[in-house]
Amino acid sequence: MKDVTEIVGMHRSTIYKRINEGSFPKAISIGGRSIRFLESSIRQWMLKNVQPN
């Protein structure tokens, strides 16, 4: 999650809120309370949803 927050520039709580709304790529459970994201999914999401300055 640390890498994802750095890449997208959002706080963890904002990412979880967007996941729950269905407006952020789904996390992949890797057991227990651990999750991962596909970098390609995050990059595609950013291309569609993050406006450059």
PDB file of N, CA and C in Angstrom:
ATOM      1  N   MET A   1       0.822  -1.188   0.000  1.00  0.00           N
ATOM      2  CA  MET A   1       0.000   0.000   0.000  1.00  0.00           C
ATOM      3  C   MET A   1       0.865   1.251   0.000  1.00  0.00           C
ATOM      4  N   LYS A   2       2.019   1.196   0.637  1.00  0.00           N
ATOM      5  CA  LYS A   2       2.901   2.358   0.658  1.00  0.00           C
ATOM      6  C   LYS A   2       3.277   2.777  -0.758  1.00  0.00           C
ATOM      7  N   ASP A   3       3.644   1.806  -1.583  1.00  0.00           N
ATOM      8  CA  ASP A   3       4.012   2.109  -2.967  1.00  0.00           C
ATOM      9  C   ASP A   3       2.834   2.714  -3.729  1.00  0.00           C
ATOM     10  N   VAL A   4       1.640   2.172  -3.519  1.00  0.00           N
ATOM     11  CA  VAL A   4       0.454   2.666  -4.217  1.00  0.00           C
ATOM     12  C   VAL A   4       0.147   4.100  -3.801  1.00  0.00           C
ATOM     13  N   THR A   5       0.218   4.403  -2.515  1.00  0.00           N
ATOM     14  CA  THR A   5      -0.056   5.771  -2.063  1.00  0.00           C
ATOM     15  C   THR A   5       0.943   6.747  -2.669  1.00  0.00           C
ATOM     16  N   GLU A   6       2.183   6.332  -2.793  1.00  0.00           N
ATOM     17  CA  GLU A   6       3.202   7.197  -3.404  1.00  0.00           C
ATOM     18  C   GLU A   6       2.957   7.390  -4.898  1.00  0.00           C
ATOM     19  N   ILE A   7       2.593   6.321  -5.585  1.00  0.00           N
ATOM     20  CA  ILE A   7       2.381   6.391  -7.029  1.00  0.00           C
ATOM     21  C   ILE A   7       1.190   7.277  -7.369  1.00  0.00           C
ATOM     22  N   VAL A   8       0.072   7.082  -6.667  1.00  0.00           N
ATOM     23  CA  VAL A   8      -1.145   7.824  -7.025  1.00  0.00           C
ATOM     24  C   VAL A   8      -1.285   9.147  -6.277  1.00  0.00           C
ATOM     25  N   GLY A   9      -0.497   9.356  -5.235  1.00  0.00           N
ATOM     26  CA  GLY A   9      -0.546  10.614  -4.497  1.00  0.00           C
ATOM     27  C   GLY A   9      -1.799  10.780  -3.664  1.00  0.00           C
ATOM     28  N   MET A  10      -2.324   9.677  -3.143  1.00  0.00           N
ATOM     29  CA  MET A  10      -3.516   9.708  -2.290  1.00  0.00           C
ATOM     30  C   MET A  10      -3.202   9.045  -0.959  1.00  0.00           C
ATOM     31  N   HIS A  11      -3.976   9.430   0.041  1.00  0.00           N
ATOM     32  CA  HIS A  11      -3.850   8.782   1.337  1.00  0.00           C
ATOM     33  C   HIS A  11      -4.501   7.403   1.281  1.00  0.00           C
ATOM     34  N   ARG A  12      -4.064   6.543   2.169  1.00  0.00           N
ATOM     35  CA  ARG A  12      -4.596   5.183   2.257  1.00  0.00           C
ATOM     36  C   ARG A  12      -6.122   5.196   2.412  1.00  0.00           C
ATOM     37  N   SER A  13      -6.642   6.068   3.267  1.00  0.00           N
ATOM     38  CA  SER A  13      -8.088   6.107   3.503  1.00  0.00           C
ATOM     39  C   SER A  13      -8.854   6.474   2.235  1.00  0.00           C
ATOM     40  N   THR A  14      -8.299   7.371   1.433  1.00  0.00           N
ATOM     41  CA  THR A  14      -8.939   7.757   0.175  1.00  0.00           C
ATOM     42  C   THR A  14      -8.945   6.593  -0.804  1.00  0.00           C
ATOM     43  N   ILE A  15      -7.860   5.859  -0.846  1.00  0.00           N
ATOM     44  CA  ILE A  15      -7.788   4.690  -1.732  1.00  0.00           C
ATOM     45  C   ILE A  15      -8.834   3.661  -1.324  1.00  0.00           C
ATOM     46  N   TYR A  16      -8.930   3.359  -0.024  1.00  0.00           N
ATOM     47  CA  TYR A  16      -9.926   2.381   0.437  1.00  0.00           C
ATOM     48  C   TYR A  16     -11.345   2.863   0.162  1.00  0.00           C
ATOM     49  N   LYS A  17     -11.592   4.150   0.318  1.00  0.00           N
ATOM     50  CA  LYS A  17     -12.915   4.704   0.018  1.00  0.00           C
ATOM     51  C   LYS A  17     -13.245   4.479  -1.447  1.00  0.00           C
ATOM     52  N   ARG A  18     -12.288   4.765  -2.322  1.00  0.00           N
ATOM     53  CA  ARG A  18     -12.525   4.583  -3.762  1.00  0.00           C
ATOM     54  C   ARG A  18     -12.673   3.103  -4.132  1.00  0.00           C
ATOM     55  N   ILE A  19     -11.941   2.236  -3.467  1.00  0.00           N
ATOM     56  CA  ILE A  19     -12.114   0.795  -3.706  1.00  0.00           C
ATOM     57  C   ILE A  19     -13.547   0.400  -3.374  1.00  0.00           C
ATOM     58  N   ASN A  20     -14.043   0.859  -2.221  1.00  0.00           N
ATOM     59  CA  ASN A  20     -15.409   0.532  -1.796  1.00  0.00           C
ATOM     60  C   ASN A  20     -16.456   1.110  -2.731  1.00  0.00           C
ATOM     61  N   GLU A  21     -16.177   2.258  -3.338  1.00  0.00           N
ATOM     62  CA  GLU A  21     -17.089   2.876  -4.304  1.00  0.00           C
ATOM     63  C   GLU A  21     -17.013   2.200  -5.670  1.00  0.00           C
ATOM     64  N   GLY A  22     -15.961   1.423  -5.890  1.00  0.00           N
ATOM     65  CA  GLY A  22     -15.765   0.775  -7.183  1.00  0.00           C
ATOM     66  C   GLY A  22     -15.056   1.663  -8.187  1.00  0.00           C
ATOM     67  N   SER A  23     -14.423   2.749  -7.702  1.00  0.00           N
ATOM     68  CA  SER A  23     -13.760   3.682  -8.615  1.00  0.00           C
ATOM     69  C   SER A  23     -12.240   3.611  -8.522  1.00  0.00           C
ATOM     70  N   PHE A  24     -11.732   2.490  -8.074  1.00  0.00           N
ATOM     71  CA  PHE A  24     -10.288   2.266  -7.986  1.00  0.00           C
ATOM     72  C   PHE A  24     -10.045   0.795  -8.289  1.00  0.00           C
ATOM     73  N   PRO A  25      -8.906   0.457  -8.880  1.00  0.00           N
ATOM     74  CA  PRO A  25      -8.642  -0.959  -9.196  1.00  0.00           C
ATOM     75  C   PRO A  25      -8.768  -1.848  -7.955  1.00  0.00           C
ATOM     76  N   LYS A  26      -9.298  -3.012  -8.162  1.00  0.00           N
ATOM     77  CA  LYS A  26      -9.477  -3.968  -7.077  1.00  0.00           C
ATOM     78  C   LYS A  26      -8.133  -4.499  -6.597  1.00  0.00           C
ATOM     79  N   ALA A  27      -8.060  -4.700  -5.301  1.00  0.00           N
ATOM     80  CA  ALA A  27      -6.881  -5.294  -4.690  1.00  0.00           C
ATOM     81  C   ALA A  27      -6.963  -6.816  -4.813  1.00  0.00           C
ATOM     82  N   ILE A  28      -5.816  -7.446  -4.794  1.00  0.00           N
ATOM     83  CA  ILE A  28      -5.732  -8.903  -4.835  1.00  0.00           C
ATOM     84  C   ILE A  28      -5.318  -9.378  -3.453  1.00  0.00           C
ATOM     85  N   SER A  29      -6.140 -10.230  -2.853  1.00  0.00           N
ATOM     86  CA  SER A  29      -5.820 -10.770  -1.537  1.00  0.00           C
ATOM     87  C   SER A  29      -4.732 -11.824  -1.683  1.00  0.00           C
ATOM     88  N   ILE A  30      -3.702 -11.712  -0.849  1.00  0.00           N
ATOM     89  CA  ILE A  30      -2.627 -12.707  -0.887  1.00  0.00           C
ATOM     90  C   ILE A  30      -2.563 -13.486   0.425  1.00  0.00           C
ATOM     91  N   GLY A  31      -3.660 -13.422   1.173  1.00  0.00           N
ATOM     92  CA  GLY A  31      -3.755 -14.188   2.412  1.00  0.00           C
ATOM     93  C   GLY A  31      -3.799 -13.294   3.633  1.00  0.00           C
ATOM     94  N   GLY A  32      -4.565 -13.737   4.611  1.00  0.00           N
ATOM     95  CA  GLY A  32      -4.683 -12.952   5.833  1.00  0.00           C
ATOM     96  C   GLY A  32      -5.237 -11.577   5.530  1.00  0.00           C
ATOM     97  N   ARG A  33      -4.578 -10.566   6.039  1.00  0.00           N
ATOM     98  CA  ARG A  33      -4.990  -9.183   5.804  1.00  0.00           C
ATOM     99  C   ARG A  33      -4.114  -8.498   4.766  1.00  0.00           C
ATOM    100  N   SER A  34      -3.350  -9.276   4.025  1.00  0.00           N
ATOM    101  CA  SER A  34      -2.416  -8.726   3.040  1.00  0.00           C
ATOM    102  C   SER A  34      -3.063  -8.627   1.666  1.00  0.00           C
ATOM    103  N   ILE A  35      -2.828  -7.492   1.011  1.00  0.00           N
ATOM    104  CA  ILE A  35      -3.331  -7.293  -0.342  1.00  0.00           C
ATOM    105  C   ILE A  35      -2.217  -6.753  -1.223  1.00  0.00           C
ATOM    106  N   ARG A  36      -2.422  -6.876  -2.503  1.00  0.00           N
ATOM    107  CA  ARG A  36      -1.504  -6.325  -3.492  1.00  0.00           C
ATOM    108  C   ARG A  36      -2.337  -5.763  -4.636  1.00  0.00           C
ATOM    109  N   PHE A  37      -1.721  -4.884  -5.404  1.00  0.00           N
ATOM    110  CA  PHE A  37      -2.345  -4.319  -6.592  1.00  0.00           C
ATOM    111  C   PHE A  37      -1.446  -4.630  -7.772  1.00  0.00           C
ATOM    112  N   LEU A  38      -2.056  -4.851  -8.930  1.00  0.00           N
ATOM    113  CA  LEU A  38      -1.265  -4.991 -10.148  1.00  0.00           C
ATOM    114  C   LEU A  38      -0.825  -3.598 -10.574  1.00  0.00           C
ATOM    115  N   GLU A  39       0.463  -3.430 -10.785  1.00  0.00           N
ATOM    116  CA  GLU A  39       0.973  -2.120 -11.198  1.00  0.00           C
ATOM    117  C   GLU A  39       0.329  -1.680 -12.501  1.00  0.00           C
ATOM    118  N   SER A  40       0.112  -2.615 -13.407  1.00  0.00           N
ATOM    119  CA  SER A  40      -0.502  -2.259 -14.687  1.00  0.00           C
ATOM    120  C   SER A  40      -1.910  -1.704 -14.486  1.00  0.00           C
ATOM    121  N   SER A  41      -2.664  -2.248 -13.532  1.00  0.00           N
ATOM    122  CA  SER A  41      -4.014  -1.740 -13.244  1.00  0.00           C
ATOM    123  C   SER A  41      -3.966  -0.332 -12.681  1.00  0.00           C
ATOM    124  N   ILE A  42      -3.003  -0.091 -11.805  1.00  0.00           N
ATOM    125  CA  ILE A  42      -2.851   1.239 -11.207  1.00  0.00           C
ATOM    126  C   ILE A  42      -2.455   2.244 -12.290  1.00  0.00           C
ATOM    127  N   ARG A  43      -1.511   1.879 -13.145  1.00  0.00           N
ATOM    128  CA  ARG A  43      -1.061   2.787 -14.209  1.00  0.00           C
ATOM    129  C   ARG A  43      -2.207   3.105 -15.183  1.00  0.00           C
ATOM    130  N   GLN A  44      -2.990   2.091 -15.561  1.00  0.00           N
ATOM    131  CA  GLN A  44      -4.126   2.317 -16.457  1.00  0.00           C
ATOM    132  C   GLN A  44      -5.145   3.229 -15.799  1.00  0.00           C
ATOM    133  N   TRP A  45      -5.424   3.008 -14.514  1.00  0.00           N
ATOM    134  CA  TRP A  45      -6.357   3.844 -13.773  1.00  0.00           C
ATOM    135  C   TRP A  45      -5.874   5.290 -13.771  1.00  0.00           C
ATOM    136  N   MET A  46      -4.579   5.483 -13.549  1.00  0.00           N
ATOM    137  CA  MET A  46      -4.029   6.833 -13.518  1.00  0.00           C
ATOM    138  C   MET A  46      -4.170   7.532 -14.866  1.00  0.00           C
ATOM    139  N   LEU A  47      -3.938   6.820 -15.943  1.00  0.00           N
ATOM    140  CA  LEU A  47      -4.077   7.408 -17.284  1.00  0.00           C
ATOM    141  C   LEU A  47      -5.490   7.900 -17.534  1.00  0.00           C
ATOM    142  N   LYS A  48      -6.469   7.188 -17.000  1.00  0.00           N
ATOM    143  CA  LYS A  48      -7.877   7.529 -17.224  1.00  0.00           C
ATOM    144  C   LYS A  48      -8.410   8.552 -16.225  1.00  0.00           C
ATOM    145  N   ASN A  49      -7.831   8.621 -15.025  1.00  0.00           N
ATOM    146  CA  ASN A  49      -8.458   9.380 -13.945  1.00  0.00           C
ATOM    147  C   ASN A  49      -7.655  10.516 -13.349  1.00  0.00           C
ATOM    148  N   VAL A  50      -6.383  10.596 -13.622  1.00  0.00           N
ATOM    149  CA  VAL A  50      -5.569  11.645 -13.015  1.00  0.00           C
ATOM    150  C   VAL A  50      -5.185  12.659 -14.082  1.00  0.00           C
ATOM    151  N   GLN A  51      -5.586  13.886 -13.854  1.00  0.00           N
ATOM    152  CA  GLN A  51      -5.295  14.953 -14.792  1.00  0.00           C
ATOM    153  C   GLN A  51      -3.913  15.541 -14.514  1.00  0.00           C
ATOM    154  N   PRO A  52      -3.097  15.757 -15.532  1.00  0.00           N
ATOM    155  CA  PRO A  52      -1.794  16.380 -15.324  1.00  0.00           C
ATOM    156  C   PRO A  52      -1.964  17.839 -14.900  1.00  0.00           C
ATOM    157  N   ASN A  53      -0.976  18.349 -14.191  1.00  0.00           N
ATOM    158  CA  ASN A  53      -1.023  19.760 -13.748  1.00  0.00           C
ATOM    159  C   ASN A  53      -0.782  20.704 -14.879  1.00  0.00           C
TER     160      ASN A  53
END
